[in-house]
């Protein structure tokens, strides 16, 4: 999702910086263009980092098992947690 936003910001920033010969009082459009391009690159990089983290198992998985002890008749709950920190 953010890759599309990043590309859009880069295109708008490039147009403002390189293709537009207009002037607005109090605003430097070239600077706004560079800021948009930097924000676009940042959005793409963050999107790639978050996507990589989600696909490499950056979270954890849990499994819950519940059974009854035949000797006492009490219910026994077991939880196995597998934490993968991607290291």
PDB file of N, CA and C in Angstrom:
ATOM      1  N   UNK A   1       0.824  -1.185   0.000  1.00  0.00           N
ATOM      2  CA  UNK A   1       0.000   0.000   0.000  1.00  0.00           C
ATOM      3  C   UNK A   1       0.871   1.253   0.000  1.00  0.00           C
ATOM      4  N   UNK A   2       1.908   1.273   0.813  1.00  0.00           N
ATOM      5  CA  UNK A   2       2.745   2.463   0.897  1.00  0.00           C
ATOM      6  C   UNK A   2       3.708   2.586  -0.273  1.00  0.00           C
ATOM      7  N   UNK A   3       3.908   1.494  -1.009  1.00  0.00           N
ATOM      8  CA  UNK A   3       4.767   1.589  -2.188  1.00  0.00           C
ATOM      9  C   UNK A   3       4.112   2.501  -3.219  1.00  0.00           C
ATOM     10  N   UNK A   4       2.824   2.361  -3.412  1.00  0.00           N
ATOM     11  CA  UNK A   4       2.104   3.239  -4.342  1.00  0.00           C
ATOM     12  C   UNK A   4       2.136   4.687  -3.894  1.00  0.00           C
ATOM     13  N   UNK A   5       1.968   4.919  -2.607  1.00  0.00           N
ATOM     14  CA  UNK A   5       2.045   6.276  -2.070  1.00  0.00           C
ATOM     15  C   UNK A   5       3.441   6.845  -2.270  1.00  0.00           C
ATOM     16  N   UNK A   6       4.456   6.020  -2.045  1.00  0.00           N
ATOM     17  CA  UNK A   6       5.827   6.469  -2.227  1.00  0.00           C
ATOM     18  C   UNK A   6       6.115   6.855  -3.667  1.00  0.00           C
ATOM     19  N   UNK A   7       5.659   6.039  -4.604  1.00  0.00           N
ATOM     20  CA  UNK A   7       5.857   6.358  -6.023  1.00  0.00           C
ATOM     21  C   UNK A   7       5.131   7.643  -6.381  1.00  0.00           C
ATOM     22  N   UNK A   8       3.912   7.801  -5.891  1.00  0.00           N
ATOM     23  CA  UNK A   8       3.157   9.023  -6.154  1.00  0.00           C
ATOM     24  C   UNK A   8       3.893  10.255  -5.622  1.00  0.00           C
ATOM     25  N   UNK A   9       4.406  10.176  -4.399  1.00  0.00           N
ATOM     26  CA  UNK A   9       5.132  11.310  -3.823  1.00  0.00           C
ATOM     27  C   UNK A   9       6.409  11.613  -4.603  1.00  0.00           C
ATOM     28  N   UNK A  10       7.104  10.588  -5.067  1.00  0.00           N
ATOM     29  CA  UNK A  10       8.310  10.813  -5.858  1.00  0.00           C
ATOM     30  C   UNK A  10       7.974  11.509  -7.168  1.00  0.00           C
ATOM     31  N   UNK A  11       6.900  11.082  -7.821  1.00  0.00           N
ATOM     32  CA  UNK A  11       6.503  11.697  -9.099  1.00  0.00           C
ATOM     33  C   UNK A  11       6.083  13.145  -8.885  1.00  0.00           C
ATOM     34  N   UNK A  12       5.272  13.401  -7.890  1.00  0.00           N
ATOM     35  CA  UNK A  12       4.836  14.778  -7.621  1.00  0.00           C
ATOM     36  C   UNK A  12       6.034  15.648  -7.259  1.00  0.00           C
ATOM     37  N   UNK A  13       6.936  15.120  -6.451  1.00  0.00           N
ATOM     38  CA  UNK A  13       8.124  15.878  -6.083  1.00  0.00           C
ATOM     39  C   UNK A  13       9.012  16.172  -7.271  1.00  0.00           C
ATOM     40  N   UNK A  14       9.165  15.205  -8.175  1.00  0.00           N
ATOM     41  CA  UNK A  14       9.979  15.427  -9.369  1.00  0.00           C
ATOM     42  C   UNK A  14       9.357  16.478 -10.273  1.00  0.00           C
ATOM     43  N   UNK A  15       8.046  16.460 -10.394  1.00  0.00           N
ATOM     44  CA  UNK A  15       7.373  17.473 -11.207  1.00  0.00           C
ATOM     45  C   UNK A  15       7.555  18.850 -10.582  1.00  0.00           C
ATOM     46  N   UNK A  16       7.381  18.949  -9.284  1.00  0.00           N
ATOM     47  CA  UNK A  16       7.552  20.240  -8.617  1.00  0.00           C
ATOM     48  C   UNK A  16       8.990  20.745  -8.717  1.00  0.00           C
ATOM     49  N   UNK A  17       9.954  19.842  -8.644  1.00  0.00           N
ATOM     50  CA  UNK A  17      11.350  20.249  -8.635  1.00  0.00           C
ATOM     51  C   UNK A  17      11.885  20.541 -10.030  1.00  0.00           C
ATOM     52  N   UNK A  18      11.612  19.661 -10.985  1.00  0.00           N
ATOM     53  CA  UNK A  18      12.285  19.746 -12.272  1.00  0.00           C
ATOM     54  C   UNK A  18      11.430  20.287 -13.417  1.00  0.00           C
ATOM     55  N   UNK A  19      10.121  20.131 -13.369  1.00  0.00           N
ATOM     56  CA  UNK A  19       9.302  20.454 -14.536  1.00  0.00           C
ATOM     57  C   UNK A  19       8.454  21.712 -14.385  1.00  0.00           C
ATOM     58  N   UNK A  20       8.337  22.218 -13.196  1.00  0.00           N
ATOM     59  CA  UNK A  20       7.442  23.349 -12.965  1.00  0.00           C
ATOM     60  C   UNK A  20       8.249  24.640 -12.869  1.00  0.00           C
ATOM     61  N   UNK A  21       7.877  25.619 -13.680  1.00  0.00           N
ATOM     62  CA  UNK A  21       8.555  26.923 -13.656  1.00  0.00           C
ATOM     63  C   UNK A  21       7.605  27.996 -13.139  1.00  0.00           C
ATOM     64  N   UNK A  22       6.946  27.703 -12.059  1.00  0.00           N
ATOM     65  CA  UNK A  22       6.026  28.673 -11.469  1.00  0.00           C
ATOM     66  C   UNK A  22       6.597  29.134 -10.135  1.00  0.00           C
ATOM     67  N   UNK A  23       6.110  30.257  -9.681  1.00  0.00           N
ATOM     68  CA  UNK A  23       6.556  30.744  -8.383  1.00  0.00           C
ATOM     69  C   UNK A  23       5.347  31.114  -7.540  1.00  0.00           C
ATOM     70  N   UNK A  24       5.447  30.773  -6.283  1.00  0.00           N
ATOM     71  CA  UNK A  24       4.396  31.092  -5.328  1.00  0.00           C
ATOM     72  C   UNK A  24       5.068  31.893  -4.219  1.00  0.00           C
ATOM     73  N   UNK A  25       4.451  32.992  -3.848  1.00  0.00           N
ATOM     74  CA  UNK A  25       5.073  33.838  -2.829  1.00  0.00           C
ATOM     75  C   UNK A  25       5.082  33.114  -1.481  1.00  0.00           C
ATOM     76  N   UNK A  26       6.267  33.073  -0.886  1.00  0.00           N
ATOM     77  CA  UNK A  26       6.409  32.468   0.428  1.00  0.00           C
ATOM     78  C   UNK A  26       6.700  30.985   0.416  1.00  0.00           C
ATOM     79  N   UNK A  27       6.638  30.324  -0.748  1.00  0.00           N
ATOM     80  CA  UNK A  27       6.875  28.884  -0.832  1.00  0.00           C
ATOM     81  C   UNK A  27       7.863  28.621  -1.963  1.00  0.00           C
ATOM     82  N   UNK A  28       8.912  27.889  -1.655  1.00  0.00           N
ATOM     83  CA  UNK A  28       9.855  27.462  -2.687  1.00  0.00           C
ATOM     84  C   UNK A  28       9.415  26.087  -3.174  1.00  0.00           C
ATOM     85  N   UNK A  29       8.874  26.021  -4.396  1.00  0.00           N
ATOM     86  CA  UNK A  29       8.310  24.777  -4.907  1.00  0.00           C
ATOM     87  C   UNK A  29       9.382  23.701  -5.111  1.00  0.00           C
ATOM     88  N   UNK A  30      10.594  24.110  -5.404  1.00  0.00           N
ATOM     89  CA  UNK A  30      11.666  23.127  -5.562  1.00  0.00           C
ATOM     90  C   UNK A  30      11.953  22.429  -4.228  1.00  0.00           C
ATOM     91  N   UNK A  31      11.946  23.172  -3.156  1.00  0.00           N
ATOM     92  CA  UNK A  31      12.163  22.578  -1.833  1.00  0.00           C
ATOM     93  C   UNK A  31      11.017  21.650  -1.459  1.00  0.00           C
ATOM     94  N   UNK A  32       9.803  22.059  -1.757  1.00  0.00           N
ATOM     95  CA  UNK A  32       8.647  21.195  -1.496  1.00  0.00           C
ATOM     96  C   UNK A  32       8.762  19.916  -2.321  1.00  0.00           C
ATOM     97  N   UNK A  33       9.244  20.034  -3.542  1.00  0.00           N
ATOM     98  CA  UNK A  33       9.448  18.859  -4.385  1.00  0.00           C
ATOM     99  C   UNK A  33      10.473  17.906  -3.808  1.00  0.00           C
ATOM    100  N   UNK A  34      11.607  18.445  -3.330  1.00  0.00           N
ATOM    101  CA  UNK A  34      12.623  17.585  -2.709  1.00  0.00           C
ATOM    102  C   UNK A  34      12.090  16.901  -1.456  1.00  0.00           C
ATOM    103  N   UNK A  35      11.286  17.618  -0.694  1.00  0.00           N
ATOM    104  CA  UNK A  35      10.688  17.027   0.512  1.00  0.00           C
ATOM    105  C   UNK A  35       9.730  15.901   0.133  1.00  0.00           C
ATOM    106  N   UNK A  36       8.935  16.112  -0.914  1.00  0.00           N
ATOM    107  CA  UNK A  36       8.019  15.060  -1.374  1.00  0.00           C
ATOM    108  C   UNK A  36       8.784  13.835  -1.852  1.00  0.00           C
ATOM    109  N   UNK A  37       9.869  14.041  -2.585  1.00  0.00           N
ATOM    110  CA  UNK A  37      10.657  12.903  -3.066  1.00  0.00           C
ATOM    111  C   UNK A  37      11.296  12.143  -1.902  1.00  0.00           C
ATOM    112  N   UNK A  38      11.796  12.858  -0.911  1.00  0.00           N
ATOM    113  CA  UNK A  38      12.380  12.196   0.260  1.00  0.00           C
ATOM    114  C   UNK A  38      11.317  11.417   1.027  1.00  0.00           C
ATOM    115  N   UNK A  39      10.132  11.989   1.165  1.00  0.00           N
ATOM    116  CA  UNK A  39       9.043  11.283   1.851  1.00  0.00           C
ATOM    117  C   UNK A  39       8.616  10.046   1.059  1.00  0.00           C
ATOM    118  N   UNK A  40       8.635  10.132  -0.261  1.00  0.00           N
ATOM    119  CA  UNK A  40       8.302   8.978  -1.091  1.00  0.00           C
ATOM    120  C   UNK A  40       9.299   7.848  -0.928  1.00  0.00           C
ATOM    121  N   UNK A  41      10.582   8.186  -0.922  1.00  0.00           N
ATOM    122  CA  UNK A  41      11.610   7.161  -0.719  1.00  0.00           C
ATOM    123  C   UNK A  41      11.468   6.538   0.669  1.00  0.00           C
ATOM    124  N   UNK A  42      11.211   7.355   1.662  1.00  0.00           N
ATOM    125  CA  UNK A  42      11.023   6.853   3.023  1.00  0.00           C
ATOM    126  C   UNK A  42       9.810   5.923   3.111  1.00  0.00           C
ATOM    127  N   UNK A  43       8.721   6.280   2.446  1.00  0.00           N
ATOM    128  CA  UNK A  43       7.520   5.438   2.459  1.00  0.00           C
ATOM    129  C   UNK A  43       7.796   4.088   1.809  1.00  0.00           C
ATOM    130  N   UNK A  44       8.536   4.077   0.715  1.00  0.00           N
ATOM    131  CA  UNK A  44       8.862   2.814   0.052  1.00  0.00           C
ATOM    132  C   UNK A  44       9.759   1.957   0.936  1.00  0.00           C
ATOM    133  N   UNK A  45      10.782   2.561   1.532  1.00  0.00           N
ATOM    134  CA  UNK A  45      11.689   1.804   2.391  1.00  0.00           C
ATOM    135  C   UNK A  45      10.966   1.231   3.609  1.00  0.00           C
ATOM    136  N   UNK A  46      10.117   2.029   4.235  1.00  0.00           N
ATOM    137  CA  UNK A  46       9.365   1.534   5.392  1.00  0.00           C
ATOM    138  C   UNK A  46       8.418   0.401   5.001  1.00  0.00           C
ATOM    139  N   UNK A  47       7.809   0.518   3.839  1.00  0.00           N
ATOM    140  CA  UNK A  47       6.920  -0.536   3.366  1.00  0.00           C
ATOM    141  C   UNK A  47       7.682  -1.837   3.150  1.00  0.00           C
ATOM    142  N   UNK A  48       8.877  -1.744   2.572  1.00  0.00           N
ATOM    143  CA  UNK A  48       9.676  -2.944   2.348  1.00  0.00           C
ATOM    144  C   UNK A  48      10.139  -3.566   3.661  1.00  0.00           C
ATOM    145  N   UNK A  49      10.508  -2.737   4.633  1.00  0.00           N
ATOM    146  CA  UNK A  49      10.951  -3.253   5.932  1.00  0.00           C
ATOM    147  C   UNK A  49       9.806  -3.946   6.649  1.00  0.00           C
ATOM    148  N   UNK A  50       8.636  -3.331   6.654  1.00  0.00           N
ATOM    149  CA  UNK A  50       7.482  -3.922   7.342  1.00  0.00           C
ATOM    150  C   UNK A  50       7.053  -5.208   6.648  1.00  0.00           C
ATOM    151  N   UNK A  51       7.072  -5.231   5.324  1.00  0.00           N
ATOM    152  CA  UNK A  51       6.694  -6.436   4.592  1.00  0.00           C
ATOM    153  C   UNK A  51       7.689  -7.551   4.850  1.00  0.00           C
ATOM    154  N   UNK A  52       8.972  -7.236   4.867  1.00  0.00           N
ATOM    155  CA  UNK A  52       9.997  -8.254   5.125  1.00  0.00           C
ATOM    156  C   UNK A  52       9.860  -8.799   6.538  1.00  0.00           C
ATOM    157  N   UNK A  53       9.584  -7.931   7.473  1.00  0.00           N
ATOM    158  CA  UNK A  53       9.443  -8.368   8.871  1.00  0.00           C
ATOM    159  C   UNK A  53       8.238  -9.290   9.039  1.00  0.00           C
ATOM    160  N   UNK A  54       7.146  -8.980   8.333  1.00  0.00           N
ATOM    161  CA  UNK A  54       5.936  -9.788   8.456  1.00  0.00           C
ATOM    162  C   UNK A  54       6.106 -11.149   7.795  1.00  0.00           C
ATOM    163  N   UNK A  55       6.886 -11.233   6.710  1.00  0.00           N
ATOM    164  CA  UNK A  55       7.019 -12.503   6.010  1.00  0.00           C
ATOM    165  C   UNK A  55       8.124 -13.377   6.583  1.00  0.00           C
ATOM    166  N   UNK A  56       9.048 -12.821   7.357  1.00  0.00           N
ATOM    167  CA  UNK A  56      10.122 -13.632   7.922  1.00  0.00           C
ATOM    168  C   UNK A  56       9.796 -14.130   9.318  1.00  0.00           C
ATOM    169  N   UNK A  57       8.580 -13.987   9.754  1.00  0.00           N
ATOM    170  CA  UNK A  57       8.204 -14.503  11.071  1.00  0.00           C
ATOM    171  C   UNK A  57       8.624 -13.594  12.197  1.00  0.00           C
ATOM    172  N   UNK A  58       8.388 -12.306  12.042  1.00  0.00           N
ATOM    173  CA  UNK A  58       8.778 -11.365  13.066  1.00  0.00           C
ATOM    174  C   UNK A  58       7.926 -11.428  14.312  1.00  0.00           C
ATOM    175  N   UNK A  59       6.897 -12.223  14.299  1.00  0.00           N
ATOM    176  CA  UNK A  59       6.012 -12.312  15.462  1.00  0.00           C
ATOM    177  C   UNK A  59       6.228 -13.607  16.212  1.00  0.00           C
ATOM    178  N   UNK A  60       5.158 -14.200  16.663  1.00  0.00           N
ATOM    179  CA  UNK A  60       5.246 -15.461  17.378  1.00  0.00           C
ATOM    180  C   UNK A  60       4.017 -16.276  17.032  1.00  0.00           C
ATOM    181  N   UNK A  61       4.104 -17.559  17.332  1.00  0.00           N
ATOM    182  CA  UNK A  61       2.948 -18.426  17.144  1.00  0.00           C
ATOM    183  C   UNK A  61       2.701 -19.167  18.448  1.00  0.00           C
ATOM    184  N   UNK A  62       1.465 -19.468  18.708  1.00  0.00           N
ATOM    185  CA  UNK A  62       1.103 -20.149  19.947  1.00  0.00           C
ATOM    186  C   UNK A  62       0.166 -21.314  19.624  1.00  0.00           C
ATOM    187  N   UNK A  63       0.273 -22.346  20.430  1.00  0.00           N
ATOM    188  CA  UNK A  63      -0.585 -23.513  20.283  1.00  0.00           C
ATOM    189  C   UNK A  63      -1.113 -23.868  21.656  1.00  0.00           C
ATOM    190  N   UNK A  64      -2.409 -23.986  21.780  1.00  0.00           N
ATOM    191  CA  UNK A  64      -3.036 -24.309  23.070  1.00  0.00           C
ATOM    192  C   UNK A  64      -3.647 -25.706  22.988  1.00  0.00           C
ATOM    193  N   UNK A  65      -3.286 -26.527  23.960  1.00  0.00           N
ATOM    194  CA  UNK A  65      -3.798 -27.893  24.036  1.00  0.00           C
ATOM    195  C   UNK A  65      -4.490 -28.053  25.384  1.00  0.00           C
ATOM    196  N   UNK A  66      -5.670 -28.628  25.346  1.00  0.00           N
ATOM    197  CA  UNK A  66      -6.424 -28.835  26.571  1.00  0.00           C
ATOM    198  C   UNK A  66      -6.859 -30.301  26.636  1.00  0.00           C
ATOM    199  N   UNK A  67      -6.590 -30.947  27.761  1.00  0.00           N
ATOM    200  CA  UNK A  67      -7.028 -32.322  27.945  1.00  0.00           C
ATOM    201  C   UNK A  67      -7.358 -32.562  29.419  1.00  0.00           C
ATOM    202  N   UNK A  68      -8.003 -33.702  29.688  1.00  0.00           N
ATOM    203  CA  UNK A  68      -8.388 -34.045  31.053  1.00  0.00           C
ATOM    204  C   UNK A  68      -7.449 -35.129  31.586  1.00  0.00           C
ATOM    205  N   UNK A  69      -6.927 -34.888  32.782  1.00  0.00           N
ATOM    206  CA  UNK A  69      -6.054 -35.864  33.435  1.00  0.00           C
ATOM    207  C   UNK A  69      -6.906 -37.057  33.866  1.00  0.00           C
ATOM    208  N   UNK A  70      -6.596 -38.279  33.364  1.00  0.00           N
ATOM    209  CA  UNK A  70      -7.446 -39.431  33.694  1.00  0.00           C
ATOM    210  C   UNK A  70      -7.373 -39.842  35.170  1.00  0.00           C
ATOM    211  N   UNK A  71      -6.285 -39.555  35.843  1.00  0.00           N
ATOM    212  CA  UNK A  71      -6.142 -39.973  37.247  1.00  0.00           C
ATOM    213  C   UNK A  71      -6.970 -39.093  38.175  1.00  0.00           C
ATOM    214  N   UNK A  72      -6.960 -37.776  37.935  1.00  0.00           N
ATOM    215  CA  UNK A  72      -7.654 -36.872  38.852  1.00  0.00           C
ATOM    216  C   UNK A  72      -8.951 -36.320  38.279  1.00  0.00           C
ATOM    217  N   UNK A  73      -9.100 -36.352  36.965  1.00  0.00           N
ATOM    218  CA  UNK A  73     -10.302 -35.815  36.335  1.00  0.00           C
ATOM    219  C   UNK A  73     -10.275 -34.313  36.169  1.00  0.00           C
ATOM    220  N   UNK A  74      -9.128 -33.700  36.420  1.00  0.00           N
ATOM    221  CA  UNK A  74      -9.019 -32.251  36.272  1.00  0.00           C
ATOM    222  C   UNK A  74      -8.579 -31.890  34.853  1.00  0.00           C
ATOM    223  N   UNK A  75      -8.955 -30.720  34.480  1.00  0.00           N
ATOM    224  CA  UNK A  75      -8.619 -30.239  33.141  1.00  0.00           C
ATOM    225  C   UNK A  75      -7.219 -29.621  33.163  1.00  0.00           C
ATOM    226  N   UNK A  76      -6.409 -29.979  32.160  1.00  0.00           N
ATOM    227  CA  UNK A  76      -5.037 -29.489  32.065  1.00  0.00           C
ATOM    228  C   UNK A  76      -4.903 -28.706  30.764  1.00  0.00           C
ATOM    229  N   UNK A  77      -4.465 -27.453  30.875  1.00  0.00           N
ATOM    230  CA  UNK A  77      -4.244 -26.612  29.703  1.00  0.00           C
ATOM    231  C   UNK A  77      -2.748 -26.418  29.507  1.00  0.00           C
ATOM    232  N   UNK A  78      -2.283 -26.607  28.285  1.00  0.00           N
ATOM    233  CA  UNK A  78      -0.886 -26.389  27.947  1.00  0.00           C
ATOM    234  C   UNK A  78      -0.811 -25.371  26.817  1.00  0.00           C
ATOM    235  N   UNK A  79       0.143 -24.475  26.920  1.00  0.00           N
ATOM    236  CA  UNK A  79       0.348 -23.473  25.885  1.00  0.00           C
ATOM    237  C   UNK A  79       1.808 -23.541  25.458  1.00  0.00           C
ATOM    238  N   UNK A  80       2.031 -23.771  24.171  1.00  0.00           N
ATOM    239  CA  UNK A  80       3.377 -23.747  23.603  1.00  0.00           C
ATOM    240  C   UNK A  80       3.519 -22.467  22.794  1.00  0.00           C
ATOM    241  N   UNK A  81       4.507 -21.657  23.134  1.00  0.00           N
ATOM    242  CA  UNK A  81       4.743 -20.403  22.428  1.00  0.00           C
ATOM    243  C   UNK A  81       6.090 -20.500  21.734  1.00  0.00           C
ATOM    244  N   UNK A  82       6.095 -20.221  20.442  1.00  0.00           N
ATOM    245  CA  UNK A  82       7.327 -20.211  19.657  1.00  0.00           C
ATOM    246  C   UNK A  82       7.585 -18.777  19.226  1.00  0.00           C
ATOM    247  N   UNK A  83       8.586 -18.167  19.816  1.00  0.00           N
ATOM    248  CA  UNK A  83       8.933 -16.784  19.487  1.00  0.00           C
ATOM    249  C   UNK A  83      10.142 -16.756  18.586  1.00  0.00           C
ATOM    250  N   UNK A  84       9.943 -16.195  17.435  1.00  0.00           N
ATOM    251  CA  UNK A  84      11.037 -16.057  16.471  1.00  0.00           C
ATOM    252  C   UNK A  84      11.325 -14.587  16.298  1.00  0.00           C
ATOM    253  N   UNK A  85      12.495 -14.175  16.715  1.00  0.00           N
ATOM    254  CA  UNK A  85      12.843 -12.760  16.647  1.00  0.00           C
ATOM    255  C   UNK A  85      13.564 -12.412  15.367  1.00  0.00           C
ATOM    256  N   UNK A  86      13.686 -13.365  14.442  1.00  0.00           N
ATOM    257  CA  UNK A  86      14.297 -13.092  13.165  1.00  0.00           C
ATOM    258  C   UNK A  86      15.798 -12.850  13.242  1.00  0.00           C
ATOM    259  N   UNK A  87      16.432 -13.377  14.281  1.00  0.00           N
ATOM    260  CA  UNK A  87      17.871 -13.154  14.459  1.00  0.00           C
ATOM    261  C   UNK A  87      18.627 -14.317  13.835  1.00  0.00           C
TER     262      UNK A  87
END
